[in-house]
C-alpha cells in the first residue's frame, strides 16, 4: 500500500524541518506514488500524477499570475502535494501560490528548517519499493490460491468463501437476474443481503451503495453472473485483483459443471439444508438469504411439499435430480416461487420443495394434482407414480420448517392405492401428525417419545433390529396387519412374531387404542425431531 502524504510528514527527516500544512489538510491521506525534486517552473510536464514534489522555489516565477498558473498546472496533472523548503531565497510561501493551492484543494506544506531532500526521497522510495514487493508476493499468493481451487474442482460457495476471507469483507456471487447464488457474509446475512436485488441493480447502474466492486464471471463469451465484494479494508494484492482471480476460478468451475442449472441447485440445496438442519443464527438472517436468492418470504404463504416418484419397478428410487428439476419447472409454469433439494436426512428419491405463493392466491388440491401431472409429463412416467405430500400453510421461516417436516413424515405414509392420477396427501387430514410437529420442540414431547420407545430403541441397537420400523408400519395401518406386514417387507408370520416381541418388551397391548395412539405419537415425535 502506497504511503500517504500524512505518513511522510511524520518521517524523522521531515519532522526535524518543522513542517506546517498551509492548504489541503483534507487531502493529506492521498497516496504518494513517487517523490520528485524539482526547481523548474515547468515541472508539470515532467510528472504524470501521484507524485509528491519537493522544492525550494529557486527557479519559480515571481509574478502572481505565473504562480497561480503554476498551482493550476500542478493540480491539473494530479500531483499529490508540494513540500516547499523556506529559506533566504523564499522566506515565506508566495500568497498567490497559497491561494491557488487552497482553491484547488491541493496540499501545500512548508518546512521552516533546512531538510535533506535526498534522505526524504530515499526513505519514501524504500517504503514504496518494499510495499510493491509485498504486493507482488500477495498477488502470487492469491493467484496460487485460486489456481489450486480451480484445479481441485472446488464448488462455487467455497470459492466465494475464500474470496470473502481473503478480502475480509462480504462477497456475493449473483446470477444475471441479480439473485444470490452463494455468499460469504461472516454471519451478518441480514445486513449484507437485505434488499439485495434492488441494491444490486442500483450498483450496476452506478447509483447504488458506494464502495462495491463488481466483476463479471464469464468465459468463452458466456456470462453467468457477477462476483461482488462489499466495502472493506485494502488488500496488498489489490481488492479488484483478488476479485478477478476468484471470478476466473468460478468461471472455470462453471465450465466444468455438467448441468447448466448447477448453480441454481447448489443455491437451493444450501438454503434448504440450512433450514432443515436449523443452521441459522436468526430468522431474519435466513429470510434475507432466501429472499436474496429470489424466493419471496415476506407477505407470502409458504408451504412445504415432499415429492416422490416411483420408478418403473415400483421401488420408489426415481432419480432425485430429475424429480427436483421437473418439480421446479412445473412450479415455475404455475407462477409459484420454488426451492427444491433432496432431503439431507432421507436418502433416495425424496425431494422437498419450499413453495412461496401470494396470499391472494389459493393452492388447492387440484393445483397440487396439476403439479404432479406436470412432473409426470416432464419425467415421462405414469401420473400415479408421482406422490406429493403437502404440509401446513405458513407465514414464516419456522412455519415453513414445520411444514416441510410434516410433508416429509406424511410422504412416508402415503399409499398409492388404485389411483390413476398423481397422489396428493395433505397434512390437514392427519391431525395427530400436525399436533406432534407443532410440539416437536417441547422437551415433554421428546421425553414422552423416549419413555415410550426406550425398550425398543435399546433392543434395536443391541441386536441390529427393526422393531421400531415394524411398530411404525403397524401404527400406520392399524387394524390391518396384512397391509402393515407388506409395508414392513416381512412375511405375516415373521411380522406377527415381531409384534409379539414388541408387546413383551413394552408390557403393552397393541390392540388397545389409547396405547397405540400414544406409541404412534412417540414414533412421530422421534421422526420429526431426528
Protein backbone atom coordinates (compact mmCIF):
# COMPACT_ATOMS: atom_id res chain seq x y z
CA UNK A 1 0.00 0.00 0.00
CA UNK A 2 1.42 3.36 -1.00
CA UNK A 3 2.34 5.81 1.76
CA UNK A 4 0.20 8.88 2.24
CA UNK A 5 1.43 12.46 2.48
CA UNK A 6 0.35 12.46 6.13
CA UNK A 7 2.65 9.49 6.82
CA UNK A 8 5.54 11.17 5.01
CA UNK A 9 5.19 14.25 7.19
CA UNK A 10 5.85 12.02 10.21
CA UNK A 11 9.25 10.85 8.89
CA UNK A 12 12.14 11.96 11.09
CA UNK A 13 13.86 13.93 8.31
CA UNK A 14 10.64 15.80 7.60
CA UNK A 15 9.61 16.30 11.22
CA UNK A 16 13.00 17.84 12.10
CA UNK A 17 12.40 20.51 9.45
CA UNK A 18 9.25 21.69 11.28
CA UNK A 19 6.58 21.14 8.59
CA UNK A 20 3.49 23.35 8.50
CA UNK A 21 0.43 22.50 6.41
CA UNK A 22 -0.87 25.65 4.74
CA UNK A 23 -3.55 24.16 2.47
CA UNK A 24 -5.22 20.88 1.61
CA UNK A 25 -5.46 19.42 5.12
CA UNK A 26 -8.32 17.18 3.97
CA UNK A 27 -6.19 15.70 1.16
CA UNK A 28 -3.21 14.58 3.25
CA UNK A 29 -4.32 10.93 3.09
CA UNK A 30 -3.91 10.71 -0.67
CA UNK A 31 -1.34 8.06 -1.68
CA UNK A 32 2.10 9.15 -2.89
CA UNK A 33 3.27 7.16 -5.90
CA UNK A 34 6.76 8.75 -6.08
CA UNK A 35 8.80 11.70 -4.81
CA UNK A 36 10.24 14.20 -7.29
CA UNK A 37 12.65 17.06 -6.57
CA UNK A 38 12.40 19.99 -8.97
CA UNK A 39 13.15 23.69 -9.04
CA UNK A 40 11.83 24.46 -12.53
CA UNK A 41 8.66 26.34 -13.30
CA UNK A 42 7.61 23.85 -15.98
CA UNK A 43 7.73 20.84 -13.66
CA UNK A 44 4.13 20.00 -14.59
CA UNK A 45 5.26 18.49 -17.89
CA UNK A 46 7.73 16.19 -16.10
CA UNK A 47 5.24 14.38 -13.86
CA UNK A 48 2.35 12.00 -14.57
CA UNK A 49 0.27 12.18 -11.38
CA UNK A 50 0.53 10.89 -7.84
CA UNK A 51 3.94 12.47 -7.18
CA UNK A 52 4.97 14.48 -4.14
CA UNK A 53 7.10 17.47 -5.19
CA UNK A 54 10.00 18.75 -3.09
CA UNK A 55 11.32 22.24 -3.89
CA UNK A 56 12.99 25.38 -2.57
CA UNK A 57 11.31 27.54 -5.23
CA UNK A 58 14.62 28.82 -6.61
CA UNK A 59 13.58 28.59 -10.25
CA UNK A 60 9.97 29.68 -9.82
CA UNK A 61 8.49 32.83 -11.34
CA UNK A 62 7.82 35.78 -9.07
CA UNK A 63 4.66 37.23 -10.61
CA UNK A 64 1.30 36.39 -9.03
CA UNK A 65 -0.28 35.35 -12.33
CA UNK A 66 2.58 32.99 -13.12
CA UNK A 67 2.47 31.48 -9.63
CA UNK A 68 -1.28 30.92 -9.88
CA UNK A 69 -0.74 29.29 -13.28
CA UNK A 70 1.90 27.01 -11.74
CA UNK A 71 -0.51 25.93 -9.00
CA UNK A 72 -3.28 25.25 -11.52
CA UNK A 73 -0.93 23.19 -13.72
CA UNK A 74 0.22 21.05 -10.82
CA UNK A 75 -3.40 20.40 -9.78
CA UNK A 76 -4.31 19.53 -13.38
CA UNK A 77 -1.59 16.86 -13.74
CA UNK A 78 -2.62 15.30 -10.41
CA UNK A 79 0.36 15.71 -8.11
CA UNK A 80 -0.32 14.63 -4.55
CA UNK A 81 1.12 17.78 -3.00
CA UNK A 82 4.08 20.15 -2.66
CA UNK A 83 6.62 20.48 0.14
CA UNK A 84 8.36 23.86 -0.04
CA UNK A 85 11.54 24.49 1.98
CA UNK A 86 11.68 28.14 3.14
CA UNK A 87 14.98 29.96 3.09
CA UNK A 88 16.79 33.17 2.15
CA UNK A 89 15.52 33.00 -1.45
CA UNK A 90 11.93 32.37 -0.35
CA UNK A 91 11.34 33.23 3.32
CA UNK A 92 7.61 32.59 3.04
CA UNK A 93 5.23 30.83 0.69
CA UNK A 94 4.01 33.17 -2.08
CA UNK A 95 0.42 34.23 -1.24
CA UNK A 96 -0.68 33.81 -4.87
CA UNK A 97 0.53 30.19 -4.89
CA UNK A 98 -1.03 29.52 -1.49
CA UNK A 99 -4.34 30.90 -2.70
CA UNK A 100 -4.32 28.74 -5.85
CA UNK A 101 -3.42 25.58 -3.91
CA UNK A 102 -6.22 26.31 -1.45
CA UNK A 103 -8.68 26.83 -4.31
CA UNK A 104 -7.62 23.52 -5.86
CA UNK A 105 -7.76 21.65 -2.52
CA UNK A 106 -4.13 20.64 -3.03
CA UNK A 107 -1.79 20.19 -0.03
CA UNK A 108 0.97 22.79 0.31
CA UNK A 109 3.43 22.19 3.15
CA UNK A 110 6.27 24.50 4.13
CA UNK A 111 9.42 23.49 6.02
CA UNK A 112 10.77 26.10 8.43
CA UNK A 113 14.18 24.45 8.65
CA UNK A 114 16.57 23.05 6.12
CA UNK A 115 15.79 19.46 5.10
CA UNK A 116 17.87 16.75 3.41
CA UNK A 117 15.75 16.09 0.32
CA UNK A 118 17.88 13.07 -0.61
CA UNK A 119 17.15 11.45 2.74
CA UNK A 120 13.43 12.09 2.32
CA UNK A 121 13.31 10.64 -1.20
CA UNK A 122 15.37 7.62 -0.15
CA UNK A 123 13.08 6.86 2.81
CA UNK A 124 9.89 7.24 0.79
CA UNK A 125 11.16 5.30 -2.22
CA UNK A 126 12.38 2.47 0.03
CA UNK A 127 8.91 2.27 1.55
CA UNK A 128 7.24 2.32 -1.87
CA UNK A 129 9.52 -0.40 -3.27
CA UNK A 130 9.04 -2.55 -0.16
CA UNK A 131 5.27 -2.18 -0.44
CA UNK A 132 5.46 -3.13 -4.11
CA UNK A 133 7.34 -6.30 -3.19
CA UNK A 134 4.66 -7.10 -0.61
CA UNK A 135 2.00 -6.52 -3.26
CA UNK A 136 3.80 -8.82 -5.72
CA UNK A 137 4.02 -11.59 -3.13
CA UNK A 138 0.37 -11.09 -2.23
CA UNK A 139 -0.64 -11.32 -5.89
CA UNK A 140 1.34 -14.54 -6.25
CA UNK A 141 -0.36 -15.99 -3.18
CA UNK A 142 -3.83 -15.04 -4.42
CA UNK A 143 -3.07 -16.44 -7.86
CA UNK A 144 -1.82 -19.70 -6.32
CA UNK A 145 -4.87 -19.94 -4.04
CA UNK A 146 -7.48 -19.64 -6.75
CA UNK A 147 -5.50 -21.71 -9.25
CA UNK A 148 -5.40 -24.52 -6.70
CA UNK A 149 -9.15 -24.19 -6.08
CA UNK A 150 -9.76 -24.42 -9.84
CA UNK A 151 -7.56 -27.50 -10.25
CA UNK A 152 -9.21 -29.13 -7.25
CA UNK A 153 -12.69 -28.54 -8.67
CA UNK A 154 -13.88 -26.64 -5.60
CA UNK A 155 -17.59 -25.68 -5.64
CA UNK A 156 -18.77 -22.13 -6.12
CA UNK A 157 -19.70 -21.50 -2.50
CA UNK A 158 -16.24 -22.48 -1.28
CA UNK A 159 -14.54 -20.23 -3.84
CA UNK A 160 -16.77 -17.35 -2.77
CA UNK A 161 -15.98 -18.06 0.87
CA UNK A 162 -12.24 -17.99 0.18
CA UNK A 163 -12.61 -14.68 -1.65
CA UNK A 164 -14.50 -13.25 1.32
CA UNK A 165 -11.85 -14.37 3.79
CA UNK A 166 -9.07 -13.00 1.57
CA UNK A 167 -10.75 -9.60 1.38
CA UNK A 168 -12.10 -9.68 4.95
CA UNK A 169 -15.45 -8.43 3.65
CA UNK A 170 -18.74 -9.80 2.40
CA UNK A 171 -18.53 -11.32 -1.09
CA UNK A 172 -21.59 -12.32 -3.11
CA UNK A 173 -21.97 -14.38 -6.27
CA UNK A 174 -25.15 -13.48 -8.14
CA UNK A 175 -26.70 -14.70 -11.37
CA UNK A 176 -27.80 -12.50 -14.24
CA UNK A 177 -31.18 -11.99 -12.57
CA UNK A 178 -29.44 -10.47 -9.53
CA UNK A 179 -30.36 -13.48 -7.40
CA UNK A 180 -27.74 -14.63 -4.91
CA UNK A 181 -26.13 -17.97 -5.74
CA UNK A 182 -23.58 -18.04 -2.92
CA UNK A 183 -22.36 -15.56 -0.34
CA UNK A 184 -19.79 -15.17 2.41
CA UNK A 185 -21.31 -12.75 4.90
CA UNK A 186 -19.44 -13.71 8.10
CA UNK A 187 -22.70 -14.33 9.93
CA UNK A 188 -24.31 -10.99 9.04
CA UNK A 189 -26.52 -12.12 6.17
CA UNK A 190 -29.28 -9.72 7.18
CA UNK A 191 -27.05 -6.66 6.76
CA UNK A 192 -25.28 -7.88 3.63
CA UNK A 193 -28.21 -9.38 1.72
CA UNK A 194 -31.28 -7.41 2.80
CA UNK A 195 -32.98 -5.96 -0.27
CA UNK A 196 -30.25 -7.48 -2.41
CA UNK A 197 -31.85 -7.40 -5.85
CA UNK A 198 -32.75 -3.71 -5.68
CA UNK A 199 -29.37 -2.73 -4.23
CA UNK A 200 -27.52 -4.80 -6.82
CA UNK A 201 -29.40 -3.30 -9.74
CA UNK A 202 -28.65 0.18 -8.41
CA UNK A 203 -24.96 -0.67 -8.06
CA UNK A 204 -24.81 -1.93 -11.63
CA UNK A 205 -26.35 1.35 -12.80
CA UNK A 206 -23.73 3.24 -10.83
CA UNK A 207 -26.10 4.91 -8.37
CA UNK A 208 -26.10 2.35 -5.58
CA UNK A 209 -24.06 1.76 -2.43
CA UNK A 210 -20.57 3.22 -2.59
CA UNK A 211 -17.51 1.01 -2.48
CA UNK A 212 -18.94 -2.05 -4.24
CA UNK A 213 -16.55 -3.92 -6.54
CA UNK A 214 -18.28 -5.80 -9.36
CA UNK A 215 -16.53 -8.32 -11.60
CA UNK A 216 -18.24 -10.44 -14.26
CA UNK A 217 -17.98 -14.21 -14.16
CA UNK A 218 -17.59 -15.23 -17.78
CA UNK A 219 -15.65 -17.43 -20.19
CA UNK A 220 -15.80 -18.24 -23.90
CA UNK A 221 -18.14 -15.35 -24.49
CA UNK A 222 -20.70 -16.62 -21.96
CA UNK A 223 -21.51 -14.58 -18.87
CA UNK A 224 -23.12 -16.42 -15.97
CA UNK A 225 -23.28 -13.69 -13.36
CA UNK A 226 -21.21 -11.31 -11.27
CA UNK A 227 -18.96 -11.55 -8.24
CA UNK A 228 -19.42 -8.61 -5.90
CA UNK A 229 -17.29 -7.50 -2.96
CA UNK A 230 -18.85 -5.15 -0.46
CA UNK A 231 -16.69 -2.38 1.07
CA UNK A 232 -13.70 -3.48 3.13
CA UNK A 233 -10.11 -2.78 4.01
CA UNK A 234 -7.44 -2.56 1.26
CA UNK A 235 -5.65 -5.77 0.28
CA UNK A 236 -1.90 -5.87 -0.54
CA UNK A 237 -2.66 -7.55 -3.88
CA UNK A 238 -5.42 -5.07 -4.64
CA UNK A 239 -9.08 -5.80 -3.92
CA UNK A 240 -10.01 -5.79 -7.60
CA UNK A 241 -7.20 -8.26 -8.37
CA UNK A 242 -8.44 -10.66 -5.67
CA UNK A 243 -11.98 -10.45 -7.01
CA UNK A 244 -10.86 -11.01 -10.60
CA UNK A 245 -8.84 -14.10 -9.65
CA UNK A 246 -11.84 -15.51 -7.80
CA UNK A 247 -14.07 -14.77 -10.80
CA UNK A 248 -11.71 -16.71 -13.07
CA UNK A 249 -11.84 -19.69 -10.69
CA UNK A 250 -15.64 -19.52 -10.68
CA UNK A 251 -15.76 -19.37 -14.47
CA UNK A 252 -13.55 -22.47 -14.73
CA UNK A 253 -15.72 -24.22 -12.16
CA UNK A 254 -18.81 -23.29 -14.14
CA UNK A 255 -17.32 -24.67 -17.36
CA UNK A 256 -16.73 -27.98 -15.59
CA UNK A 257 -20.36 -28.27 -14.41
CA UNK A 258 -22.35 -30.85 -16.31
CA UNK A 259 -25.70 -29.26 -15.52
CA UNK A 260 -26.44 -25.77 -16.84
CA UNK A 261 -28.50 -25.15 -13.70
CA UNK A 262 -25.86 -26.40 -11.29
CA UNK A 263 -25.51 -23.05 -9.55
CA UNK A 264 -29.26 -22.90 -9.02
CA UNK A 265 -29.36 -26.38 -7.48
CA UNK A 266 -26.40 -25.63 -5.25
CA UNK A 267 -28.16 -22.50 -4.02
CA UNK A 268 -31.41 -24.38 -3.34
CA UNK A 269 -29.53 -27.14 -1.58
CA UNK A 270 -27.64 -24.75 0.73
CA UNK A 271 -30.77 -22.84 1.68
CA UNK A 272 -32.89 -25.90 2.43
CA UNK A 273 -30.05 -27.62 4.28
CA UNK A 274 -29.65 -24.52 6.43
CA UNK A 275 -33.40 -24.54 7.12
CA UNK A 276 -33.84 -28.27 7.77
CA UNK A 277 -30.58 -28.51 9.70
CA UNK A 278 -31.51 -25.41 11.73
CA UNK A 279 -28.15 -23.92 10.75
CA UNK A 280 -29.07 -20.26 11.10
CA UNK A 281 -28.43 -17.80 13.89
CA UNK A 282 -31.53 -15.67 13.35
CA UNK A 283 -34.78 -15.93 11.46
CA UNK A 284 -34.25 -12.51 9.87
CA UNK A 285 -30.84 -13.57 8.57
CA UNK A 286 -32.28 -16.68 6.90
CA UNK A 287 -35.16 -14.64 5.47
CA UNK A 288 -32.57 -12.32 3.88
CA UNK A 289 -30.78 -15.33 2.38
CA UNK A 290 -34.00 -16.80 0.97
CA UNK A 291 -35.21 -13.52 -0.49
CA UNK A 292 -31.82 -12.61 -1.96
CA UNK A 293 -31.98 -15.93 -3.85
CA UNK A 294 -35.30 -14.90 -5.41
CA UNK A 295 -37.60 -16.76 -3.00
CA UNK A 296 -40.06 -14.27 -1.52
CA UNK A 297 -40.93 -14.75 2.16
CA UNK A 298 -42.47 -11.51 3.41
CA UNK A 299 -46.18 -11.26 2.73
CA UNK A 300 -46.32 -14.75 1.21
CA UNK A 301 -47.92 -18.07 2.04
CA UNK A 302 -45.17 -20.66 2.46
CA UNK A 303 -45.79 -24.37 2.05
CA UNK A 304 -43.57 -27.40 2.37
CA UNK A 305 -44.06 -30.25 -0.09
CA UNK A 306 -42.37 -33.65 -0.27
CA UNK A 307 -42.28 -35.35 -3.65
CA UNK A 308 -41.53 -38.94 -4.53
CA UNK A 309 -41.66 -40.66 -7.91
CA UNK A 310 -41.79 -44.43 -8.15
CA UNK A 311 -39.62 -45.92 -10.85
CA UNK A 312 -40.94 -48.40 -13.37
CA UNK A 313 -40.08 -51.18 -10.95
CA UNK A 314 -42.17 -49.55 -8.27
CA UNK A 315 -39.29 -49.34 -5.79
CA UNK A 316 -39.55 -45.60 -5.22
CA UNK A 317 -35.99 -44.89 -6.34
CA UNK A 318 -36.67 -42.42 -9.12
CA UNK A 319 -33.82 -40.06 -9.99
CA UNK A 320 -33.85 -37.29 -7.37
CA UNK A 321 -32.13 -34.75 -9.64
CA UNK A 322 -34.72 -35.30 -12.38
CA UNK A 323 -37.58 -35.07 -9.86
CA UNK A 324 -36.16 -31.84 -8.48
CA UNK A 325 -35.79 -30.26 -11.90
CA UNK A 326 -39.26 -31.31 -13.02
CA UNK A 327 -40.85 -30.03 -9.81
CA UNK A 328 -39.24 -26.58 -10.02
CA UNK A 329 -40.06 -26.28 -13.72
CA UNK A 330 -43.69 -27.20 -13.08
CA UNK A 331 -43.97 -24.77 -10.17
CA UNK A 332 -42.46 -22.01 -12.31
CA UNK A 333 -45.03 -22.60 -15.03
CA UNK A 334 -47.72 -22.15 -12.37
CA UNK A 335 -46.20 -18.84 -11.28
CA UNK A 336 -45.05 -20.16 -7.90
CA UNK A 337 -41.60 -19.49 -6.40
CA UNK A 338 -39.99 -22.81 -5.54
CA UNK A 339 -36.81 -24.15 -3.99
CA UNK A 340 -36.05 -27.85 -4.31
CA UNK A 341 -33.45 -30.21 -2.91
CA UNK A 342 -33.00 -33.82 -1.96
CA UNK A 343 -33.83 -34.21 1.71
CA UNK A 344 -30.48 -34.28 3.57
CA UNK A 345 -31.69 -36.84 6.11
CA UNK A 346 -33.73 -39.01 3.73
CA UNK A 347 -31.51 -40.67 1.09
CA UNK A 348 -33.09 -41.86 -2.11
CA UNK A 349 -35.51 -40.08 -4.36
CA UNK A 350 -37.29 -37.94 -1.77
CA UNK A 351 -37.28 -34.30 -2.88
CA UNK A 352 -38.54 -31.49 -0.68
CA UNK A 353 -40.00 -28.28 -2.06
CA UNK A 354 -40.45 -24.91 -0.43
CA UNK A 355 -43.23 -23.01 -2.19
CA UNK A 356 -43.96 -19.30 -1.93
CA UNK A 357 -47.36 -18.07 -3.13
CA UNK A 358 -49.01 -14.67 -3.00
CA UNK A 359 -51.55 -14.57 -0.20
CA UNK A 360 -54.33 -13.64 -2.57
CA UNK A 361 -53.89 -16.97 -4.35
CA UNK A 362 -55.05 -20.32 -3.03
CA UNK A 363 -53.21 -23.53 -3.92
CA UNK A 364 -55.89 -26.22 -3.93
CA UNK A 365 -55.70 -29.98 -4.19
CA UNK A 366 -56.39 -29.55 -7.89
CA UNK A 367 -53.38 -27.25 -8.15
CA UNK A 368 -51.12 -29.81 -6.49
CA UNK A 369 -52.58 -32.58 -8.66
CA UNK A 370 -51.75 -30.46 -11.70
CA UNK A 371 -48.24 -30.04 -10.34
CA UNK A 372 -47.98 -33.82 -10.00
CA UNK A 373 -49.19 -34.32 -13.58
CA UNK A 374 -46.64 -31.78 -14.85
CA UNK A 375 -43.87 -33.64 -13.02
CA UNK A 376 -45.07 -36.92 -14.53
CA UNK A 377 -45.05 -35.41 -18.03
CA UNK A 378 -41.58 -33.97 -17.54
CA UNK A 379 -40.25 -37.35 -16.36
CA UNK A 380 -42.38 -39.36 -18.80
CA UNK A 381 -43.83 -41.63 -16.14
CA UNK A 382 -47.36 -42.63 -15.24
CA UNK A 383 -49.24 -39.97 -13.30
CA UNK A 384 -49.90 -42.28 -10.37
CA UNK A 385 -46.14 -42.75 -10.00
CA UNK A 386 -45.97 -39.25 -8.50
CA UNK A 387 -46.86 -38.67 -4.86
CA UNK A 388 -46.97 -35.24 -3.25
CA UNK A 389 -47.30 -34.77 0.49
CA UNK A 390 -48.32 -31.22 1.41
CA UNK A 391 -47.60 -29.63 4.77
CA UNK A 392 -49.48 -26.85 6.51
CA UNK A 393 -49.51 -23.32 5.11
CA UNK A 394 -47.15 -20.99 6.97
CA UNK A 395 -46.26 -17.32 7.10
CA UNK A 396 -42.73 -17.50 8.48
CA UNK A 397 -39.47 -19.43 8.27
CA UNK A 398 -40.17 -21.52 11.41
CA UNK A 399 -43.59 -22.32 9.97
CA UNK A 400 -42.02 -23.39 6.66
CA UNK A 401 -39.63 -25.67 8.53
CA UNK A 402 -42.54 -27.33 10.34
CA UNK A 403 -44.46 -27.62 7.07
CA UNK A 404 -41.59 -29.41 5.31
CA UNK A 405 -41.15 -31.76 8.26
CA UNK A 406 -44.88 -32.54 8.21
CA UNK A 407 -44.77 -33.24 4.49
CA UNK A 408 -41.68 -35.45 4.80
CA UNK A 409 -43.26 -37.55 7.52
CA UNK A 410 -46.56 -37.72 5.68
CA UNK A 411 -44.91 -38.90 2.45
CA UNK A 412 -43.56 -41.96 4.23
CA UNK A 413 -47.15 -42.94 4.94
CA UNK A 414 -48.68 -42.15 1.57
CA UNK A 415 -50.43 -45.03 -0.15
CA UNK A 416 -50.88 -45.06 -3.91
CA UNK A 417 -53.78 -47.45 -3.71
CA UNK A 418 -55.58 -47.78 -7.07
CA UNK A 419 -55.32 -44.12 -8.09
CA UNK A 420 -54.64 -43.40 -11.73
CA UNK A 421 -53.58 -39.80 -11.16
CA UNK A 422 -50.92 -38.11 -9.09
CA UNK A 423 -51.46 -38.76 -5.41
CA UNK A 424 -51.83 -35.71 -3.18
CA UNK A 425 -51.72 -36.16 0.59
CA UNK A 426 -52.41 -33.19 2.88
CA UNK A 427 -51.34 -32.96 6.47
CA UNK A 428 -54.68 -31.35 7.34
CA UNK A 429 -56.11 -34.84 7.05
CA UNK A 430 -53.56 -36.11 9.60
CA UNK A 431 -54.36 -34.20 12.83
CA UNK A 432 -52.03 -36.29 15.01
CA UNK A 433 -49.06 -35.54 12.75
CA UNK A 434 -49.87 -31.81 12.80
CA UNK A 435 -50.09 -31.86 16.60
CA UNK A 436 -46.80 -33.70 17.05
CA UNK A 437 -44.99 -31.46 14.57
CA UNK A 438 -46.25 -28.37 16.38
CA UNK A 439 -44.98 -29.75 19.71
CA UNK A 440 -41.77 -31.27 18.35
CA UNK A 441 -39.55 -28.74 20.12
CA UNK A 442 -41.21 -29.26 23.51
CA UNK A 443 -38.95 -31.29 25.84
CA UNK A 444 -42.03 -33.01 27.26
CA UNK A 445 -42.85 -34.45 23.84
CA UNK A 446 -39.27 -35.68 23.47
CA UNK A 447 -39.44 -37.18 26.97
CA UNK A 448 -42.71 -38.94 26.07
CA UNK A 449 -41.12 -40.42 22.96
CA UNK A 450 -38.05 -41.66 24.83
CA UNK A 451 -40.08 -43.12 27.70
CA UNK A 452 -42.49 -44.98 25.41
CA UNK A 453 -39.92 -46.32 22.95
CA UNK A 454 -36.77 -46.85 25.06
CA UNK A 455 -37.07 -50.67 25.27
CA UNK A 456 -37.45 -50.95 21.50
CA UNK A 457 -34.64 -48.49 20.79
CA UNK A 458 -32.24 -50.33 23.07
CA UNK A 459 -33.24 -53.72 21.60
CA UNK A 460 -32.70 -52.49 18.02
CA UNK A 461 -29.30 -51.04 18.92
CA UNK A 462 -28.18 -54.22 20.64
CA UNK A 463 -29.48 -56.66 18.01
CA UNK A 464 -29.44 -54.54 14.84
CA UNK A 465 -33.20 -54.97 14.92
CA UNK A 466 -36.18 -53.47 13.12
CA UNK A 467 -38.78 -53.28 15.89
CA UNK A 468 -39.27 -49.51 15.50
CA UNK A 469 -39.94 -49.95 11.77
CA UNK A 470 -42.39 -52.76 12.46
CA UNK A 471 -44.24 -50.70 15.06
CA UNK A 472 -44.34 -47.74 12.67
CA UNK A 473 -45.89 -49.88 9.94
CA UNK A 474 -48.44 -51.25 12.39
CA UNK A 475 -49.37 -47.76 13.63
CA UNK A 476 -49.71 -46.56 10.05
CA UNK A 477 -52.13 -49.38 9.19
CA UNK A 478 -54.00 -50.01 12.45
CA UNK A 479 -56.32 -52.96 12.33
CA UNK A 480 -54.86 -54.26 9.06
CA UNK A 481 -51.90 -56.44 9.89
CA UNK A 482 -51.66 -57.80 6.36
CA UNK A 483 -51.02 -54.35 4.89
CA UNK A 484 -48.71 -53.49 7.77
CA UNK A 485 -46.65 -56.65 7.13
CA UNK A 486 -46.43 -55.76 3.44
CA UNK A 487 -45.26 -52.24 4.32
CA UNK A 488 -42.53 -53.79 6.50
CA UNK A 489 -41.46 -56.14 3.69
CA UNK A 490 -41.90 -59.08 6.05
CA UNK A 491 -43.93 -62.23 5.84
CA UNK A 492 -47.03 -62.22 8.00
CA UNK A 493 -45.69 -64.91 10.32
CA UNK A 494 -42.44 -63.01 10.93
CA UNK A 495 -44.37 -59.75 11.31
CA UNK A 496 -46.64 -61.30 13.95
CA UNK A 497 -43.59 -62.58 15.83
CA UNK A 498 -42.15 -59.07 15.86
CA UNK A 499 -45.41 -57.65 17.22
CA UNK A 500 -45.44 -60.22 19.99
CA UNK A 501 -41.87 -59.30 20.91
CA UNK A 502 -42.80 -55.60 20.94
CA UNK A 503 -45.70 -56.26 23.29
CA UNK A 504 -43.42 -58.25 25.60
CA UNK A 505 -40.72 -55.55 25.68
CA UNK A 506 -43.21 -52.74 26.25
CA UNK A 507 -45.51 -54.69 28.53
CA UNK A 508 -48.39 -53.27 26.49
CA UNK A 509 -51.33 -54.46 24.40
CA UNK A 510 -51.08 -53.10 20.85
CA UNK A 511 -54.79 -53.72 20.32
CA UNK A 512 -55.56 -51.08 22.94
CA UNK A 513 -56.47 -47.87 21.11
CA UNK A 514 -55.05 -45.46 23.68
CA UNK A 515 -51.76 -47.36 23.91
CA UNK A 516 -51.37 -47.47 20.13
CA UNK A 517 -52.14 -43.74 19.86
CA UNK A 518 -49.51 -42.93 22.47
CA UNK A 519 -46.96 -45.10 20.68
CA UNK A 520 -47.88 -43.55 17.34
CA UNK A 521 -47.33 -40.05 18.77
CA UNK A 522 -43.96 -41.16 20.18
CA UNK A 523 -42.90 -42.54 16.79
CA UNK A 524 -43.92 -39.36 15.02
CA UNK A 525 -42.06 -37.22 17.53
CA UNK A 526 -38.92 -39.32 17.10
CA UNK A 527 -39.04 -38.97 13.31
CA UNK A 528 -39.84 -35.27 13.29
CA UNK A 529 -37.01 -34.37 15.68
CA UNK A 530 -34.40 -36.72 14.20
